N, C-alpha and C. Protein backbone atom coordinates (compact mmCIF):
# COMPACT_ATOMS: atom_id res chain seq x y z
N UNK A 1 -150.73 35.76 155.13
CA UNK A 1 -150.49 36.21 153.95
C UNK A 1 -149.88 35.53 153.12
N UNK A 2 -149.85 35.11 151.67
CA UNK A 2 -149.20 34.53 150.82
C UNK A 2 -148.72 35.97 150.13
N UNK A 3 -147.34 35.95 150.41
CA UNK A 3 -146.25 36.79 149.32
C UNK A 3 -146.71 36.27 148.15
N UNK A 4 -145.86 37.40 147.29
CA UNK A 4 -145.98 37.04 145.91
C UNK A 4 -145.22 36.39 145.13
N UNK A 5 -143.36 35.63 145.78
CA UNK A 5 -142.90 35.12 144.73
C UNK A 5 -143.58 33.80 144.65
N UNK A 6 -144.35 33.20 146.14
CA UNK A 6 -144.82 32.09 146.71
C UNK A 6 -145.89 31.91 145.71
N UNK A 7 -146.66 32.53 144.70
CA UNK A 7 -147.65 32.46 144.51
C UNK A 7 -147.35 32.44 143.15
N UNK A 8 -146.11 33.08 142.43
CA UNK A 8 -145.84 32.81 141.08
C UNK A 8 -144.58 32.22 140.77
N UNK A 9 -144.09 30.76 142.03
CA UNK A 9 -143.61 30.15 141.89
C UNK A 9 -144.65 28.57 141.67
N UNK A 10 -145.70 28.39 142.79
CA UNK A 10 -146.63 27.86 142.72
C UNK A 10 -147.69 27.86 140.72
N UNK A 11 -147.40 29.31 140.88
CA UNK A 11 -148.16 29.36 139.34
C UNK A 11 -147.08 28.24 138.06
N UNK A 12 -145.60 28.38 137.99
CA UNK A 12 -144.78 27.62 137.68
C UNK A 12 -144.98 26.27 137.79
N UNK A 13 -144.68 26.20 138.63
CA UNK A 13 -145.82 24.44 139.46
C UNK A 13 -146.66 23.61 138.65
N UNK A 14 -148.11 24.53 139.11
CA UNK A 14 -149.43 24.72 138.34
C UNK A 14 -148.83 24.19 136.94
N UNK A 15 -148.82 24.62 136.00
CA UNK A 15 -148.50 25.91 135.54
C UNK A 15 -148.27 24.03 134.26
N UNK A 16 -146.69 23.44 134.77
CA UNK A 16 -146.09 22.56 134.42
C UNK A 16 -146.61 21.18 134.51
N UNK A 17 -148.06 21.33 135.54
CA UNK A 17 -149.00 20.98 135.77
C UNK A 17 -149.83 20.12 134.55
N UNK A 18 -149.85 21.18 133.65
CA UNK A 18 -151.48 21.33 133.48
C UNK A 18 -151.17 22.53 132.41
N UNK A 19 -151.02 22.36 131.32
CA UNK A 19 -150.19 23.76 130.08
C UNK A 19 -151.20 24.17 129.50
N UNK A 20 -152.23 23.66 129.85
CA UNK A 20 -153.58 24.57 129.36
C UNK A 20 -153.78 26.05 130.32
N UNK A 21 -154.44 27.09 129.21
CA UNK A 21 -154.45 28.14 129.24
C UNK A 21 -154.83 28.28 127.81
N UNK A 22 -155.41 29.78 128.56
CA UNK A 22 -156.84 30.98 127.30
C UNK A 22 -156.12 31.60 127.48
N UNK A 23 -155.82 32.60 125.99
CA UNK A 23 -154.68 33.42 125.29
C UNK A 23 -156.07 34.23 124.28
N UNK A 24 -155.25 35.34 124.65
CA UNK A 24 -156.48 36.80 124.47
C UNK A 24 -155.20 37.55 123.84
N UNK A 25 -155.85 38.50 123.49
CA UNK A 25 -154.79 39.89 122.40
C UNK A 25 -156.37 40.94 123.22
N UNK A 26 -155.47 41.08 123.76
CA UNK A 26 -156.75 42.92 124.87
C UNK A 26 -157.37 43.95 123.66
N UNK A 27 -158.57 44.09 123.53
CA UNK A 27 -159.34 45.00 122.00
C UNK A 27 -159.36 44.36 121.00
N UNK A 28 -158.86 42.40 120.86
CA UNK A 28 -159.32 42.06 119.57
C UNK A 28 -160.03 41.78 119.37
N UNK A 29 -161.25 41.42 118.85
CA UNK A 29 -162.73 40.29 118.46
C UNK A 29 -163.25 40.47 119.90
N UNK A 30 -163.06 41.48 121.05
CA UNK A 30 -164.32 41.35 122.42
C UNK A 30 -162.71 40.38 122.85
N UNK A 31 -162.10 40.88 122.85
CA UNK A 31 -160.99 39.93 123.98
C UNK A 31 -161.44 38.64 124.42
N UNK A 32 -161.64 38.18 122.92
CA UNK A 32 -162.63 36.13 122.74
C UNK A 32 -161.06 35.60 123.29
N UNK A 33 -161.03 34.46 123.68
CA UNK A 33 -159.72 34.35 124.06
C UNK A 33 -159.95 32.40 124.14
N UNK A 34 -158.64 32.20 123.37
CA UNK A 34 -159.19 30.59 123.14
C UNK A 34 -158.01 30.04 124.17
N UNK A 35 -158.13 28.15 124.06
CA UNK A 35 -157.49 27.39 124.91
C UNK A 35 -156.10 27.04 123.59
N UNK A 36 -154.92 27.17 124.31
CA UNK A 36 -153.74 27.62 124.13
C UNK A 36 -152.83 26.24 124.43
N UNK A 37 -151.64 25.88 124.22
CA UNK A 37 -150.65 25.02 125.16
C UNK A 37 -149.56 25.70 125.77
N UNK A 38 -149.11 26.10 126.45
CA UNK A 38 -148.23 26.82 126.95
C UNK A 38 -146.92 26.21 127.03
N UNK A 39 -146.10 26.43 126.27
CA UNK A 39 -144.49 25.94 126.73
C UNK A 39 -143.56 26.78 126.65
N UNK A 40 -142.43 26.37 127.83
CA UNK A 40 -141.61 26.91 129.03
C UNK A 40 -140.63 26.34 129.62
N UNK A 41 -139.43 27.31 129.85
CA UNK A 41 -138.89 26.95 130.72
C UNK A 41 -137.63 27.73 131.48
N UNK A 42 -137.24 27.21 132.26
CA UNK A 42 -136.36 27.95 132.99
C UNK A 42 -135.13 29.21 132.80
N UNK A 43 -134.46 28.30 132.01
CA UNK A 43 -132.98 28.85 130.85
C UNK A 43 -133.69 29.86 129.52
N UNK A 44 -135.65 30.75 129.35
CA UNK A 44 -135.87 31.26 128.65
C UNK A 44 -137.40 32.20 129.80
N UNK A 45 -136.76 32.98 130.86
CA UNK A 45 -138.02 33.52 132.18
C UNK A 45 -138.46 33.77 131.69
N UNK A 46 -139.94 34.37 132.12
CA UNK A 46 -140.81 34.51 132.28
C UNK A 46 -141.36 35.09 130.76
N UNK A 47 -140.86 33.77 129.91
CA UNK A 47 -141.71 33.65 128.25
C UNK A 47 -142.31 32.55 128.38
N UNK A 48 -143.79 32.66 127.75
CA UNK A 48 -144.35 31.43 127.79
C UNK A 48 -144.68 31.70 125.96
N UNK A 49 -144.24 30.40 125.17
CA UNK A 49 -144.63 30.14 123.67
C UNK A 49 -145.57 29.26 123.88
N UNK A 50 -145.91 29.52 122.30
CA UNK A 50 -147.39 28.76 121.84
C UNK A 50 -146.52 28.49 120.60
N UNK A 51 -147.53 27.41 119.79
CA UNK A 51 -147.60 26.92 119.03
C UNK A 51 -148.49 26.80 117.47
N UNK A 52 -149.07 27.78 117.09
CA UNK A 52 -149.86 27.17 116.44
C UNK A 52 -150.17 27.48 114.88
N UNK A 53 -150.94 28.12 113.92
CA UNK A 53 -150.74 28.03 112.00
C UNK A 53 -151.03 29.68 111.71
N UNK A 54 -150.24 30.00 110.64
CA UNK A 54 -150.57 30.99 110.30
C UNK A 54 -152.20 31.38 110.35
N UNK A 55 -153.38 30.54 110.12
CA UNK A 55 -154.34 31.06 109.89
C UNK A 55 -155.50 31.44 111.33
N UNK A 56 -155.08 31.04 112.50
CA UNK A 56 -155.00 31.17 113.82
C UNK A 56 -155.79 32.67 113.93
N UNK A 57 -156.90 32.91 115.05
CA UNK A 57 -157.30 33.81 114.57
C UNK A 57 -156.49 35.03 115.54
N UNK A 58 -155.79 34.83 116.58
CA UNK A 58 -154.71 35.03 117.14
C UNK A 58 -153.14 35.54 115.96
N UNK A 59 -153.14 35.12 115.54
CA UNK A 59 -152.15 35.37 114.32
C UNK A 59 -152.51 36.07 113.61
N UNK A 60 -153.79 35.89 112.86
CA UNK A 60 -154.51 36.76 112.09
C UNK A 60 -155.17 38.08 112.92
N UNK A 61 -155.28 38.21 113.88
CA UNK A 61 -155.02 39.69 114.05
C UNK A 61 -153.60 40.39 115.44
N UNK A 62 -152.84 40.11 115.32
CA UNK A 62 -151.30 40.30 115.74
C UNK A 62 -150.66 41.40 114.87
N UNK A 63 -150.87 42.15 115.18
CA UNK A 63 -149.28 43.38 114.78
C UNK A 63 -147.99 43.04 114.88
N UNK A 64 -146.69 43.33 115.25
CA UNK A 64 -146.11 43.18 115.48
C UNK A 64 -146.40 42.67 116.48
N UNK A 65 -146.26 44.28 117.33
CA UNK A 65 -146.40 43.14 118.83
C UNK A 65 -147.51 43.40 119.22
N UNK A 66 -148.90 42.51 120.12
CA UNK A 66 -149.71 42.90 120.53
C UNK A 66 -150.10 42.79 122.11
N UNK A 67 -150.61 43.56 123.23
CA UNK A 67 -150.64 43.49 124.48
C UNK A 67 -152.10 42.50 124.25
N UNK A 68 -151.39 40.99 125.87
CA UNK A 68 -152.38 39.93 125.03
C UNK A 68 -152.59 39.25 127.11
N UNK A 69 -153.21 38.91 126.79
CA UNK A 69 -153.77 38.64 128.61
C UNK A 69 -154.04 37.04 128.79
N UNK A 70 -152.96 36.64 129.61
CA UNK A 70 -153.72 34.72 129.72
C UNK A 70 -154.13 34.92 130.96
N UNK A 71 -155.56 33.84 130.93
CA UNK A 71 -156.29 33.34 131.84
C UNK A 71 -155.69 31.95 132.01
N UNK A 72 -155.19 31.01 133.35
CA UNK A 72 -155.16 29.98 134.25
C UNK A 72 -155.68 29.93 134.87
N UNK A 73 -156.56 27.76 135.05
CA UNK A 73 -156.91 27.63 136.11
C UNK A 73 -156.05 26.15 136.11
N UNK A 74 -155.49 26.37 137.35
CA UNK A 74 -154.70 24.88 137.68
C UNK A 74 -155.96 23.45 138.01
N UNK A 75 -155.47 22.96 137.46
CA UNK A 75 -156.39 21.00 137.71
C UNK A 75 -156.96 21.04 138.43
N UNK A 76 -156.86 21.68 139.75
CA UNK A 76 -157.20 21.09 141.23
C UNK A 76 -158.09 22.18 141.32
N UNK A 77 -158.18 23.23 140.68
CA UNK A 77 -158.44 24.44 140.84
C UNK A 77 -157.93 25.62 142.19
N UNK A 78 -156.81 25.26 142.65
CA UNK A 78 -156.19 25.23 143.61
C UNK A 78 -155.36 26.56 143.84
N UNK A 79 -155.19 27.05 141.95
CA UNK A 79 -154.99 28.50 141.83
C UNK A 79 -155.21 28.77 140.38
N UNK A 80 -155.43 29.89 141.02
CA UNK A 80 -156.10 30.63 139.23
C UNK A 80 -154.96 32.07 139.24
N UNK A 81 -155.18 32.42 138.18
CA UNK A 81 -154.12 33.46 137.44
C UNK A 81 -154.96 34.38 136.02
N UNK A 82 -154.40 35.79 136.39
CA UNK A 82 -155.09 36.40 135.17
C UNK A 82 -153.12 36.71 134.92
N UNK A 83 -152.78 37.14 133.64
CA UNK A 83 -151.72 37.85 133.07
C UNK A 83 -151.55 37.91 132.19
N UNK A 84 -150.63 39.42 132.49
CA UNK A 84 -151.20 40.58 130.74
C UNK A 84 -150.06 40.25 130.30
N UNK A 85 -149.65 40.58 129.22
CA UNK A 85 -147.77 40.62 128.78
C UNK A 85 -148.58 40.78 127.07
N UNK A 86 -147.10 40.84 126.35
CA UNK A 86 -147.30 41.63 125.12
C UNK A 86 -146.85 39.95 124.42
N UNK A 87 -147.69 39.92 122.68
CA UNK A 87 -147.38 38.64 122.24
C UNK A 87 -146.97 39.60 120.40
N UNK A 88 -145.96 38.29 120.05
CA UNK A 88 -145.52 38.62 118.99
C UNK A 88 -145.36 37.37 118.67
N UNK A 89 -145.13 37.50 117.30
CA UNK A 89 -144.50 35.87 116.69
C UNK A 89 -143.35 35.75 116.63
N UNK A 90 -142.75 34.92 117.13
CA UNK A 90 -140.79 34.51 117.58
C UNK A 90 -140.97 32.89 116.19
N UNK A 91 -140.50 33.59 115.19
CA UNK A 91 -140.94 32.33 115.26
C UNK A 91 -139.23 31.62 114.95
N UNK A 92 -137.99 31.84 115.45
CA UNK A 92 -136.77 31.46 115.99
C UNK A 92 -136.82 29.45 115.64
N UNK A 93 -136.26 29.13 114.85
CA UNK A 93 -135.60 28.06 114.78
C UNK A 93 -135.28 27.58 115.78
N UNK A 94 -134.52 28.16 116.85
CA UNK A 94 -133.66 27.18 117.76
C UNK A 94 -135.30 27.05 119.24
N UNK A 95 -135.73 27.86 118.99
CA UNK A 95 -137.01 27.65 119.44
C UNK A 95 -137.96 27.18 119.78
N UNK A 96 -138.24 26.58 117.98
CA UNK A 96 -138.66 26.25 117.76
C UNK A 96 -138.47 24.77 118.13
N UNK A 97 -137.35 24.49 117.90
CA UNK A 97 -136.82 23.10 118.04
C UNK A 97 -136.28 22.54 119.63
N UNK A 98 -136.45 23.44 120.25
CA UNK A 98 -136.73 23.69 121.70
C UNK A 98 -137.46 22.35 122.14
N UNK A 99 -138.56 23.00 121.68
CA UNK A 99 -140.21 22.78 122.94
C UNK A 99 -140.60 21.11 121.78
N UNK A 100 -140.01 21.22 120.28
CA UNK A 100 -140.71 20.63 119.16
C UNK A 100 -141.05 19.06 120.13
N UNK A 101 -142.04 18.32 119.62
CA UNK A 101 -141.77 16.39 120.42
C UNK A 101 -143.07 16.48 119.81
N UNK A 102 -143.50 14.74 119.31
CA UNK A 102 -144.45 14.67 118.19
C UNK A 102 -145.94 14.97 118.80
N UNK A 103 -146.01 15.32 119.94
CA UNK A 103 -147.39 16.13 119.70
C UNK A 103 -147.87 16.77 119.18
N UNK A 104 -146.54 17.95 119.02
CA UNK A 104 -146.75 19.84 118.05
C UNK A 104 -146.64 18.95 116.69
N UNK A 105 -145.56 17.97 116.45
CA UNK A 105 -144.82 17.45 115.08
C UNK A 105 -146.84 17.12 114.81
N UNK A 106 -147.74 16.06 115.40
CA UNK A 106 -148.95 15.76 114.93
C UNK A 106 -149.43 16.68 114.21
N UNK A 107 -149.87 18.06 114.54
CA UNK A 107 -150.12 19.36 113.93
C UNK A 107 -150.15 19.61 112.82
N UNK A 108 -148.93 19.72 111.75
CA UNK A 108 -148.16 20.45 111.82
C UNK A 108 -147.66 19.21 110.10
N UNK A 109 -148.49 19.00 108.84
CA UNK A 109 -147.56 17.89 108.15
C UNK A 109 -146.55 17.56 107.63
N UNK A 110 -145.87 19.01 107.59
CA UNK A 110 -144.37 19.20 107.04
C UNK A 110 -143.23 19.45 108.31
N UNK A 111 -143.90 18.93 109.09
CA UNK A 111 -142.98 18.94 110.92
C UNK A 111 -142.85 20.61 110.85
N UNK A 112 -141.70 20.62 111.16
CA UNK A 112 -141.04 21.36 111.35
C UNK A 112 -140.85 23.22 110.81
N UNK A 113 -140.51 22.28 109.12
CA UNK A 113 -140.67 22.91 107.86
C UNK A 113 -142.08 23.82 107.81
N UNK A 114 -142.58 23.50 108.21
CA UNK A 114 -144.44 23.45 107.71
C UNK A 114 -144.46 25.16 107.86
N UNK A 115 -144.81 25.11 106.50
CA UNK A 115 -144.83 27.04 105.79
C UNK A 115 -146.67 27.70 106.59
N UNK A 116 -147.02 26.89 107.02
CA UNK A 116 -147.89 27.69 108.58
C UNK A 116 -147.95 26.84 109.77
N UNK A 117 -146.97 26.90 110.08
CA UNK A 117 -146.03 26.73 111.09
C UNK A 117 -146.32 28.14 111.92
N UNK A 118 -146.13 28.72 112.85
CA UNK A 118 -145.61 29.67 113.59
C UNK A 118 -146.01 29.87 115.10
N UNK A 119 -144.79 30.16 115.92
CA UNK A 119 -144.69 30.36 116.90
C UNK A 119 -144.97 31.70 117.42
N UNK A 120 -145.43 31.22 118.73
CA UNK A 120 -146.06 32.91 119.26
C UNK A 120 -145.59 32.91 120.84
N UNK A 121 -144.95 34.76 121.01
CA UNK A 121 -144.32 34.61 122.36
C UNK A 121 -145.03 36.05 122.74
N UNK A 122 -145.27 34.76 124.41
CA UNK A 122 -146.30 35.17 125.11
C UNK A 122 -144.77 36.21 126.29
N UNK A 123 -144.10 37.53 125.98
CA UNK A 123 -143.92 37.87 127.74
C UNK A 123 -144.93 38.35 128.69
N UNK A 124 -144.67 37.63 130.15
CA UNK A 124 -145.18 37.92 130.89
C UNK A 124 -144.90 39.36 131.94
N UNK A 125 -145.82 40.12 132.27
CA UNK A 125 -146.11 41.07 132.54
C UNK A 125 -146.84 41.71 134.16
N UNK A 126 -147.45 42.30 134.18
CA UNK A 126 -148.67 42.39 135.35
C UNK A 126 -149.99 40.76 135.38
N UNK A 127 -149.74 40.54 136.54
CA UNK A 127 -150.35 39.98 137.34
C UNK A 127 -150.86 39.63 138.09
N UNK A 128 -152.82 38.21 138.12
CA UNK A 128 -153.01 39.02 139.53
C UNK A 128 -153.24 36.85 139.72
N UNK A 129 -152.91 36.55 141.04
CA UNK A 129 -152.85 35.35 140.91
C UNK A 129 -153.87 34.87 142.57
N UNK A 130 -154.23 34.05 142.34
CA UNK A 130 -154.83 33.98 143.79
C UNK A 130 -154.77 32.24 143.98
N UNK A 131 -154.88 32.12 145.24
CA UNK A 131 -154.99 30.84 145.68
C UNK A 131 -155.86 30.45 146.25
N UNK A 132 -156.26 29.05 146.30
CA UNK A 132 -157.71 28.62 146.66
C UNK A 132 -157.46 27.53 146.66
N UNK A 133 -159.43 26.76 147.59
CA UNK A 133 -158.67 25.01 147.75
C UNK A 133 -159.76 25.10 149.35
N UNK A 134 -159.69 24.44 149.71
CA UNK A 134 -160.32 23.70 150.66
C UNK A 134 -160.14 24.69 151.49
N UNK A 135 -158.71 24.09 152.25
CA UNK A 135 -158.26 25.42 153.07
C UNK A 135 -159.00 27.03 153.76
N UNK A 136 -158.82 27.54 151.78
CA UNK A 136 -158.80 28.78 152.35
C UNK A 136 -160.12 28.89 152.56
N UNK A 137 -161.21 28.64 151.52
CA UNK A 137 -162.86 28.14 152.16
C UNK A 137 -162.92 27.82 153.55
N UNK A 138 -162.19 27.79 154.16
CA UNK A 138 -162.29 27.00 155.40
C UNK A 138 -162.27 28.65 156.34
N UNK A 139 -161.27 29.45 155.96
CA UNK A 139 -160.62 30.00 156.49
C UNK A 139 -161.48 31.03 156.14
N UNK A 140 -162.58 31.44 155.08
CA UNK A 140 -163.67 32.62 154.92
C UNK A 140 -164.07 32.40 155.61
N UNK A 141 -164.92 30.98 155.71
CA UNK A 141 -166.00 30.58 156.88
C UNK A 141 -165.81 30.79 158.09
N UNK A 142 -164.32 30.66 158.36
CA UNK A 142 -163.96 30.94 159.65
C UNK A 142 -164.16 32.77 160.70
N UNK A 143 -164.06 33.45 159.42
CA UNK A 143 -164.07 35.12 159.51
C UNK A 143 -165.80 35.26 159.77
N UNK A 144 -166.26 34.15 158.73
CA UNK A 144 -168.00 35.64 159.06
C UNK A 144 -168.06 34.29 159.74
N UNK A 145 -168.07 33.68 160.45
CA UNK A 145 -169.02 33.09 161.79
C UNK A 145 -168.01 34.03 163.23
N UNK A 146 -167.34 34.07 162.83
CA UNK A 146 -166.55 35.50 164.49
C UNK A 146 -166.77 36.35 163.84
N UNK A 147 -167.60 36.93 163.00
CA UNK A 147 -168.24 38.25 161.91
C UNK A 147 -167.10 38.50 161.91
N UNK A 148 -166.52 38.82 161.43
CA UNK A 148 -164.92 38.97 160.31
C UNK A 148 -166.02 39.35 158.86
N UNK A 149 -164.70 39.89 158.34
CA UNK A 149 -165.05 40.36 157.03
C UNK A 149 -164.44 39.46 156.45
N UNK A 150 -164.84 38.40 154.64
CA UNK A 150 -164.59 37.89 154.13
C UNK A 150 -163.87 37.92 152.80
N UNK A 151 -163.93 39.57 153.17
CA UNK A 151 -163.38 39.63 151.90
C UNK A 151 -162.19 40.53 152.11
N UNK A 152 -161.94 40.72 153.52
CA UNK A 152 -160.47 41.08 154.19
C UNK A 152 -159.25 39.96 154.22
N UNK A 153 -160.58 38.83 154.73
CA UNK A 153 -159.61 37.49 154.13
C UNK A 153 -159.20 36.96 153.41
N UNK A 154 -159.95 36.70 152.45
CA UNK A 154 -159.91 36.51 151.10
C UNK A 154 -158.35 36.80 150.35
N UNK A 155 -157.96 38.86 150.61
CA UNK A 155 -156.68 39.35 150.33
C UNK A 155 -155.95 38.86 150.43
N UNK A 156 -155.52 37.70 152.00
CA UNK A 156 -155.03 37.11 152.21
C UNK A 156 -154.06 36.58 151.24
N UNK A 157 -155.40 35.48 150.14
CA UNK A 157 -154.92 34.68 149.24
C UNK A 157 -154.94 35.04 148.22
N UNK A 158 -154.43 36.19 147.74
CA UNK A 158 -154.44 37.07 146.34
C UNK A 158 -153.32 38.03 146.07
N UNK A 159 -152.73 38.41 145.09
CA UNK A 159 -151.78 38.39 144.57
C UNK A 159 -151.59 39.21 143.92
N UNK A 160 -150.72 41.20 143.55
CA UNK A 160 -150.81 41.60 142.77
C UNK A 160 -149.27 41.92 142.12
N UNK A 161 -148.60 41.07 141.03
CA UNK A 161 -146.86 41.12 140.75
C UNK A 161 -147.19 41.64 139.31
N UNK A 162 -145.50 41.88 138.96
CA UNK A 162 -144.72 41.39 137.81
C UNK A 162 -144.03 40.59 137.90
N UNK A 163 -143.98 39.61 136.89
CA UNK A 163 -143.54 37.82 136.03
C UNK A 163 -142.28 39.09 135.40
C-alpha cells in the first residue's frame, strides 16, 4: 500500500522534471482543459502558478476565483494525478519576478511590464494520485493469475488526498 505523503512527494518530484499539465475550470466550456507550464517552489507550498495573457480562454472565463482542475501525467507514465483546487489571477510582481525566465519572456513582447501578462495561481485541494508502471502491471497480472481481484490489487496504488 502506498501512502498519501509518498505519492504527493512523488508528484512534486515528477512535476519538477516535466512541468506540463492540463488546466481547466470546473463547469466552464465543458471543463475544457489546455496545456500549461507549471511554476512552483517549496517556499510557496501547495500552489502552482502559470504565466499566460489576458486573451487566454481561462482568464476570459475566470471570475475572481473559480474551481479548477489539473490533470498530470509524468513523462514516464509512472504517475498520474487529478487535482482540484481554486484558480485565481495573482499578478503579484514579486511572484512574477520569482519565476521569470528567458523562456517565459519569449512569450511577452514587453517583458514583465507587458500589459497582457497575467499570472494565474492554482491553490491545490483534493487530489487523486495513481502510481503506475511495469512493477504495478506485473502485480496486477500476478493477482489475476492467482484468482484475486485485480481492482483490489490496483487500489493499493492510488490515494485520495488533500494538498
